[in-house]
PDB file of all heavy atoms in Angstrom:
ATOM      1  N   ALA A   1     140.698-106.601-142.030  1.00  0.00           N
ATOM      2  CA  ALA A   1     139.553-106.881-142.915  1.00  0.00           C
ATOM      3  C   ALA A   1     139.863-107.973-143.810  1.00  0.00           C
ATOM      4  O   ALA A   1     138.985-108.958-143.977  1.00  0.00           O
ATOM      5  CB  ALA A   1     139.179-105.582-143.758  1.00  0.00           C
ATOM      6  N   TYR A   2     141.046-107.999-144.427  1.00  0.00           N
ATOM      7  CA  TYR A   2     141.436-109.124-145.357  1.00  0.00           C
ATOM      8  C   TYR A   2     141.653-110.447-144.597  1.00  0.00           C
ATOM      9  O   TYR A   2     141.426-111.498-145.032  1.00  0.00           O
ATOM     10  CB  TYR A   2     142.644-108.663-146.066  1.00  0.00           C
ATOM     11  CG  TYR A   2     142.370-107.919-147.333  1.00  0.00           C
ATOM     12  CD1 TYR A   2     142.786-106.658-147.569  1.00  0.00           C
ATOM     13  CD2 TYR A   2     141.532-108.468-148.439  1.00  0.00           C
ATOM     14  CE1 TYR A   2     142.620-105.839-148.756  1.00  0.00           C
ATOM     15  CE2 TYR A   2     141.169-107.703-149.569  1.00  0.00           C
ATOM     16  CZ  TYR A   2     141.721-106.517-149.620  1.00  0.00           C
ATOM     17  OH  TYR A   2     141.594-105.817-150.784  1.00  0.00           O
ATOM     18  N   GLU A   3     142.068-110.326-143.322  1.00  0.00           N
ATOM     19  CA  GLU A   3     142.212-111.471-142.450  1.00  0.00           C
ATOM     20  C   GLU A   3     140.956-112.178-142.233  1.00  0.00           C
ATOM     21  O   GLU A   3     140.825-113.441-142.207  1.00  0.00           O
ATOM     22  CB  GLU A   3     142.860-111.168-141.208  1.00  0.00           C
ATOM     23  CG  GLU A   3     144.474-110.995-141.439  1.00  0.00           C
ATOM     24  CD  GLU A   3     145.177-110.579-140.082  1.00  0.00           C
ATOM     25  OE1 GLU A   3     144.549-110.156-139.169  1.00  0.00           O
ATOM     26  OE2 GLU A   3     146.419-110.464-139.966  1.00  0.00           O
ATOM     27  N   ALA A   4     139.896-111.251-142.083  1.00  0.00           N
ATOM     28  CA  ALA A   4     138.578-111.823-141.912  1.00  0.00           C
ATOM     29  C   ALA A   4     137.993-112.436-143.165  1.00  0.00           C
ATOM     30  O   ALA A   4     137.258-113.292-143.088  1.00  0.00           O
ATOM     31  CB  ALA A   4     137.662-110.738-141.268  1.00  0.00           C
ATOM     32  N   LEU A   5     138.293-111.755-144.278  1.00  0.00           N
ATOM     33  CA  LEU A   5     137.880-112.294-145.584  1.00  0.00           C
ATOM     34  C   LEU A   5     138.526-113.555-145.801  1.00  0.00           C
ATOM     35  O   LEU A   5     137.973-114.428-146.714  1.00  0.00           O
ATOM     36  CB  LEU A   5     138.264-111.226-146.655  1.00  0.00           C
ATOM     37  CG  LEU A   5     137.088-110.223-146.919  1.00  0.00           C
ATOM     38  CD1 LEU A   5     137.618-109.284-147.963  1.00  0.00           C
ATOM     39  CD2 LEU A   5     135.818-110.886-147.493  1.00  0.00           C
ATOM     40  N   ALA A   6     139.793-113.788-145.399  1.00  0.00           N
ATOM     41  CA  ALA A   6     140.468-114.974-145.755  1.00  0.00           C
ATOM     42  C   ALA A   6     139.813-116.269-145.203  1.00  0.00           C
ATOM     43  O   ALA A   6     140.254-117.438-145.564  1.00  0.00           O
ATOM     44  CB  ALA A   6     141.920-114.954-145.242  1.00  0.00           C
ATOM     45  N   SER A   7     138.734-116.143-144.431  1.00  0.00           N
ATOM     46  CA  SER A   7     138.137-117.437-143.988  1.00  0.00           C
ATOM     47  C   SER A   7     136.641-117.632-144.698  1.00  0.00           C
ATOM     48  O   SER A   7     135.990-118.453-144.348  1.00  0.00           O
ATOM     49  CB  SER A   7     137.815-117.156-142.452  1.00  0.00           C
ATOM     50  OG  SER A   7     136.908-116.127-142.160  1.00  0.00           O
ATOM     51  N   LYS A   8     136.664-116.854-145.769  1.00  0.00           N
ATOM     52  CA  LYS A   8     135.301-117.000-146.517  1.00  0.00           C
ATOM     53  C   LYS A   8     135.539-117.283-147.995  1.00  0.00           C
ATOM     54  O   LYS A   8     136.588-117.087-148.509  1.00  0.00           O
ATOM     55  CB  LYS A   8     134.634-115.573-146.397  1.00  0.00           C
ATOM     56  CG  LYS A   8     134.185-115.053-144.997  1.00  0.00           C
ATOM     57  CD  LYS A   8     133.547-113.737-145.044  1.00  0.00           C
ATOM     58  CE  LYS A   8     133.261-113.204-143.786  1.00  0.00           C
ATOM     59  NZ  LYS A   8     132.215-114.068-143.080  1.00  0.00           N
ATOM     60  N   GLY A   9     134.542-117.830-148.684  1.00  0.00           N
ATOM     61  CA  GLY A   9     134.625-118.023-150.016  1.00  0.00           C
ATOM     62  C   GLY A   9     135.278-119.298-150.493  1.00  0.00           C
ATOM     63  O   GLY A   9     135.633-120.220-149.784  1.00  0.00           O
ATOM     64  N   THR A  10     135.721-119.220-151.740  1.00  0.00           N
ATOM     65  CA  THR A  10     136.340-120.441-152.399  1.00  0.00           C
ATOM     66  C   THR A  10     137.896-120.459-151.925  1.00  0.00           C
ATOM     67  O   THR A  10     138.330-119.452-151.349  1.00  0.00           O
ATOM     68  CB  THR A  10     136.312-120.445-153.877  1.00  0.00           C
ATOM     69  OG1 THR A  10     137.089-119.092-154.391  1.00  0.00           O
ATOM     70  CG2 THR A  10     134.955-120.313-154.363  1.00  0.00           C
ATOM     71  N   THR A  11     138.609-121.417-152.410  1.00  0.00           N
ATOM     72  CA  THR A  11     140.042-121.523-151.850  1.00  0.00           C
ATOM     73  C   THR A  11     140.709-120.385-152.719  1.00  0.00           C
ATOM     74  O   THR A  11     141.655-119.682-151.964  1.00  0.00           O
ATOM     75  CB  THR A  11     140.567-122.956-152.431  1.00  0.00           C
ATOM     76  OG1 THR A  11     139.857-123.961-151.826  1.00  0.00           O
ATOM     77  CG2 THR A  11     142.121-122.955-152.189  1.00  0.00           C
ATOM     78  N   ALA A  12     140.444-120.088-153.885  1.00  0.00           N
ATOM     79  CA  ALA A  12     141.155-118.963-154.621  1.00  0.00           C
ATOM     80  C   ALA A  12     140.818-117.663-153.997  1.00  0.00           C
ATOM     81  O   ALA A  12     141.764-116.887-153.734  1.00  0.00           O
ATOM     82  CB  ALA A  12     140.726-118.978-156.061  1.00  0.00           C
ATOM     83  N   GLN A  13     139.602-117.392-153.549  1.00  0.00           N
ATOM     84  CA  GLN A  13     139.269-116.165-152.870  1.00  0.00           C
ATOM     85  C   GLN A  13     139.936-115.981-151.477  1.00  0.00           C
ATOM     86  O   GLN A  13     140.307-114.948-151.119  1.00  0.00           O
ATOM     87  CB  GLN A  13     137.743-116.078-152.752  1.00  0.00           C
ATOM     88  CG  GLN A  13     136.892-115.931-153.969  1.00  0.00           C
ATOM     89  CD  GLN A  13     135.363-115.997-153.841  1.00  0.00           C
ATOM     90  OE1 GLN A  13     134.992-116.883-152.989  1.00  0.00           O
ATOM     91  NE2 GLN A  13     134.678-115.475-154.701  1.00  0.00           N
ATOM     92  N   LYS A  14     139.984-117.182-150.726  1.00  0.00           N
ATOM     93  CA  LYS A  14     140.688-117.167-149.446  1.00  0.00           C
ATOM     94  C   LYS A  14     142.141-116.790-149.676  1.00  0.00           C
ATOM     95  O   LYS A  14     142.719-115.968-148.882  1.00  0.00           O
ATOM     96  CB  LYS A  14     140.543-118.494-148.729  1.00  0.00           C
ATOM     97  CG  LYS A  14     139.104-118.750-148.275  1.00  0.00           C
ATOM     98  CD  LYS A  14     138.997-120.186-147.638  1.00  0.00           C
ATOM     99  CE  LYS A  14     137.587-120.499-147.126  1.00  0.00           C
ATOM    100  NZ  LYS A  14     137.567-121.905-146.551  1.00  0.00           N
ATOM    101  N   GLN A  15     142.826-117.463-150.587  1.00  0.00           N
ATOM    102  CA  GLN A  15     144.162-117.187-150.884  1.00  0.00           C
ATOM    103  C   GLN A  15     144.465-115.777-151.317  1.00  0.00           C
ATOM    104  O   GLN A  15     145.384-115.108-150.920  1.00  0.00           O
ATOM    105  CB  GLN A  15     144.740-118.151-151.905  1.00  0.00           C
ATOM    106  CG  GLN A  15     144.783-119.710-151.486  1.00  0.00           C
ATOM    107  CD  GLN A  15     145.530-119.804-150.267  1.00  0.00           C
ATOM    108  OE1 GLN A  15     146.540-119.128-149.977  1.00  0.00           O
ATOM    109  NE2 GLN A  15     145.491-120.944-149.727  1.00  0.00           N
ATOM    110  N   THR A  16     143.658-115.215-152.146  1.00  0.00           N
ATOM    111  CA  THR A  16     143.702-113.842-152.603  1.00  0.00           C
ATOM    112  C   THR A  16     143.662-112.833-151.384  1.00  0.00           C
ATOM    113  O   THR A  16     144.377-111.906-151.282  1.00  0.00           O
ATOM    114  CB  THR A  16     142.634-113.388-153.587  1.00  0.00           C
ATOM    115  OG1 THR A  16     142.758-114.281-154.845  1.00  0.00           O
ATOM    116  CG2 THR A  16     142.836-111.902-154.094  1.00  0.00           C
ATOM    117  N   ALA A  17     142.643-113.147-150.517  1.00  0.00           N
ATOM    118  CA  ALA A  17     142.433-112.325-149.259  1.00  0.00           C
ATOM    119  C   ALA A  17     143.699-112.505-148.453  1.00  0.00           C
ATOM    120  O   ALA A  17     144.128-111.505-147.798  1.00  0.00           O
ATOM    121  CB  ALA A  17     141.175-112.674-148.587  1.00  0.00           C
ATOM    122  N   THR A  18     144.322-113.653-148.362  1.00  0.00           N
ATOM    123  CA  THR A  18     145.457-113.872-147.491  1.00  0.00           C
ATOM    124  C   THR A  18     146.613-113.100-148.129  1.00  0.00           C
ATOM    125  O   THR A  18     147.452-112.391-147.353  1.00  0.00           O
ATOM    126  CB  THR A  18     145.808-115.319-147.508  1.00  0.00           C
ATOM    127  OG1 THR A  18     144.786-116.112-146.914  1.00  0.00           O
ATOM    128  CG2 THR A  18     147.206-115.532-146.818  1.00  0.00           C
ATOM    129  N   ILE A  19     146.827-113.072-149.354  1.00  0.00           N
ATOM    130  CA  ILE A  19     147.802-112.217-150.014  1.00  0.00           C
ATOM    131  C   ILE A  19     147.622-110.732-149.741  1.00  0.00           C
ATOM    132  O   ILE A  19     148.502-110.091-149.364  1.00  0.00           O
ATOM    133  CB  ILE A  19     147.842-112.485-151.702  1.00  0.00           C
ATOM    134  CG1 ILE A  19     148.113-113.889-152.006  1.00  0.00           C
ATOM    135  CG2 ILE A  19     148.700-111.456-152.301  1.00  0.00           C
ATOM    136  CD1 ILE A  19     147.806-114.319-153.396  1.00  0.00           C
ATOM    137  N   LYS A  20     146.498-110.312-149.880  1.00  0.00           N
ATOM    138  CA  LYS A  20     146.075-108.784-149.526  1.00  0.00           C
ATOM    139  C   LYS A  20     146.481-108.497-147.911  1.00  0.00           C
ATOM    140  O   LYS A  20     146.889-107.402-147.699  1.00  0.00           O
ATOM    141  CB  LYS A  20     144.673-108.552-149.894  1.00  0.00           C
ATOM    142  CG  LYS A  20     144.396-108.556-151.335  1.00  0.00           C
ATOM    143  CD  LYS A  20     144.842-107.309-152.014  1.00  0.00           C
ATOM    144  CE  LYS A  20     144.328-107.282-153.443  1.00  0.00           C
ATOM    145  NZ  LYS A  20     144.738-105.905-154.110  1.00  0.00           N
ATOM    146  N   ALA A  21     146.118-109.492-147.178  1.00  0.00           N
ATOM    147  CA  ALA A  21     146.401-109.262-145.728  1.00  0.00           C
ATOM    148  C   ALA A  21     147.822-109.230-145.416  1.00  0.00           C
ATOM    149  O   ALA A  21     148.331-108.298-144.587  1.00  0.00           O
ATOM    150  CB  ALA A  21     145.717-110.516-144.870  1.00  0.00           C
ATOM    151  N   LEU A  22     148.647-110.008-146.200  1.00  0.00           N
ATOM    152  CA  LEU A  22     150.041-110.000-146.041  1.00  0.00           C
ATOM    153  C   LEU A  22     150.606-108.752-146.622  1.00  0.00           C
ATOM    154  O   LEU A  22     151.570-108.155-145.993  1.00  0.00           O
ATOM    155  CB  LEU A  22     150.754-111.309-146.644  1.00  0.00           C
ATOM    156  CG  LEU A  22     150.586-112.513-146.055  1.00  0.00           C
ATOM    157  CD1 LEU A  22     150.889-113.704-147.042  1.00  0.00           C
ATOM    158  CD2 LEU A  22     151.405-112.720-144.911  1.00  0.00           C
ATOM    159  N   GLN A  23     150.121-108.288-147.672  1.00  0.00           N
ATOM    160  CA  GLN A  23     150.448-106.976-148.308  1.00  0.00           C
ATOM    161  C   GLN A  23     150.248-105.841-147.466  1.00  0.00           C
ATOM    162  O   GLN A  23     151.027-105.026-147.151  1.00  0.00           O
ATOM    163  CB  GLN A  23     149.691-106.763-149.637  1.00  0.00           C
ATOM    164  CG  GLN A  23     150.128-105.510-150.373  1.00  0.00           C
ATOM    165  CD  GLN A  23     149.219-105.397-151.535  1.00  0.00           C
ATOM    166  OE1 GLN A  23     148.191-105.731-151.711  1.00  0.00           O
ATOM    167  NE2 GLN A  23     149.894-104.580-152.504  1.00  0.00           N
ATOM    168  N   ALA A  24     149.095-105.881-146.738  1.00  0.00           N
ATOM    169  CA  ALA A  24     148.642-104.721-145.860  1.00  0.00           C
ATOM    170  C   ALA A  24     149.667-104.858-144.512  1.00  0.00           C
ATOM    171  O   ALA A  24     150.056-103.866-144.065  1.00  0.00           O
ATOM    172  CB  ALA A  24     147.252-104.946-145.268  1.00  0.00           C
ATOM    173  N   ARG A  25     149.946-106.094-144.032  1.00  0.00           N
ATOM    174  CA  ARG A  25     150.894-106.239-142.992  1.00  0.00           C
ATOM    175  C   ARG A  25     152.208-105.773-143.343  1.00  0.00           C
ATOM    176  O   ARG A  25     152.873-105.164-142.450  1.00  0.00           O
ATOM    177  CB  ARG A  25     150.971-107.826-142.500  1.00  0.00           C
ATOM    178  CG  ARG A  25     151.798-107.930-141.317  1.00  0.00           C
ATOM    179  CD  ARG A  25     151.599-109.336-140.875  1.00  0.00           C
ATOM    180  NE  ARG A  25     152.574-110.228-141.628  1.00  0.00           N
ATOM    181  CZ  ARG A  25     152.704-111.623-141.398  1.00  0.00           C
ATOM    182  NH1 ARG A  25     151.904-112.206-140.477  1.00  0.00           N
ATOM    183  NH2 ARG A  25     153.423-112.291-142.157  1.00  0.00           N
ATOM    184  N   SER A  26     152.708-105.907-144.612  1.00  0.00           N
ATOM    185  CA  SER A  26     153.958-105.416-144.926  1.00  0.00           C
ATOM    186  C   SER A  26     154.047-103.926-144.860  1.00  0.00           C
ATOM    187  O   SER A  26     154.976-103.390-144.389  1.00  0.00           O
ATOM    188  CB  SER A  26     154.367-105.857-146.331  1.00  0.00           C
ATOM    189  OG  SER A  26     153.686-105.166-147.246  1.00  0.00           O
TER     190      SER A  26
END
């Protein structure tokens, strides 16, 4: 879900979603 969100919104929103995706992956 976060990986999908990482392609949407502003740069900050994309980066936050990427962080959350990495957190979930861990």
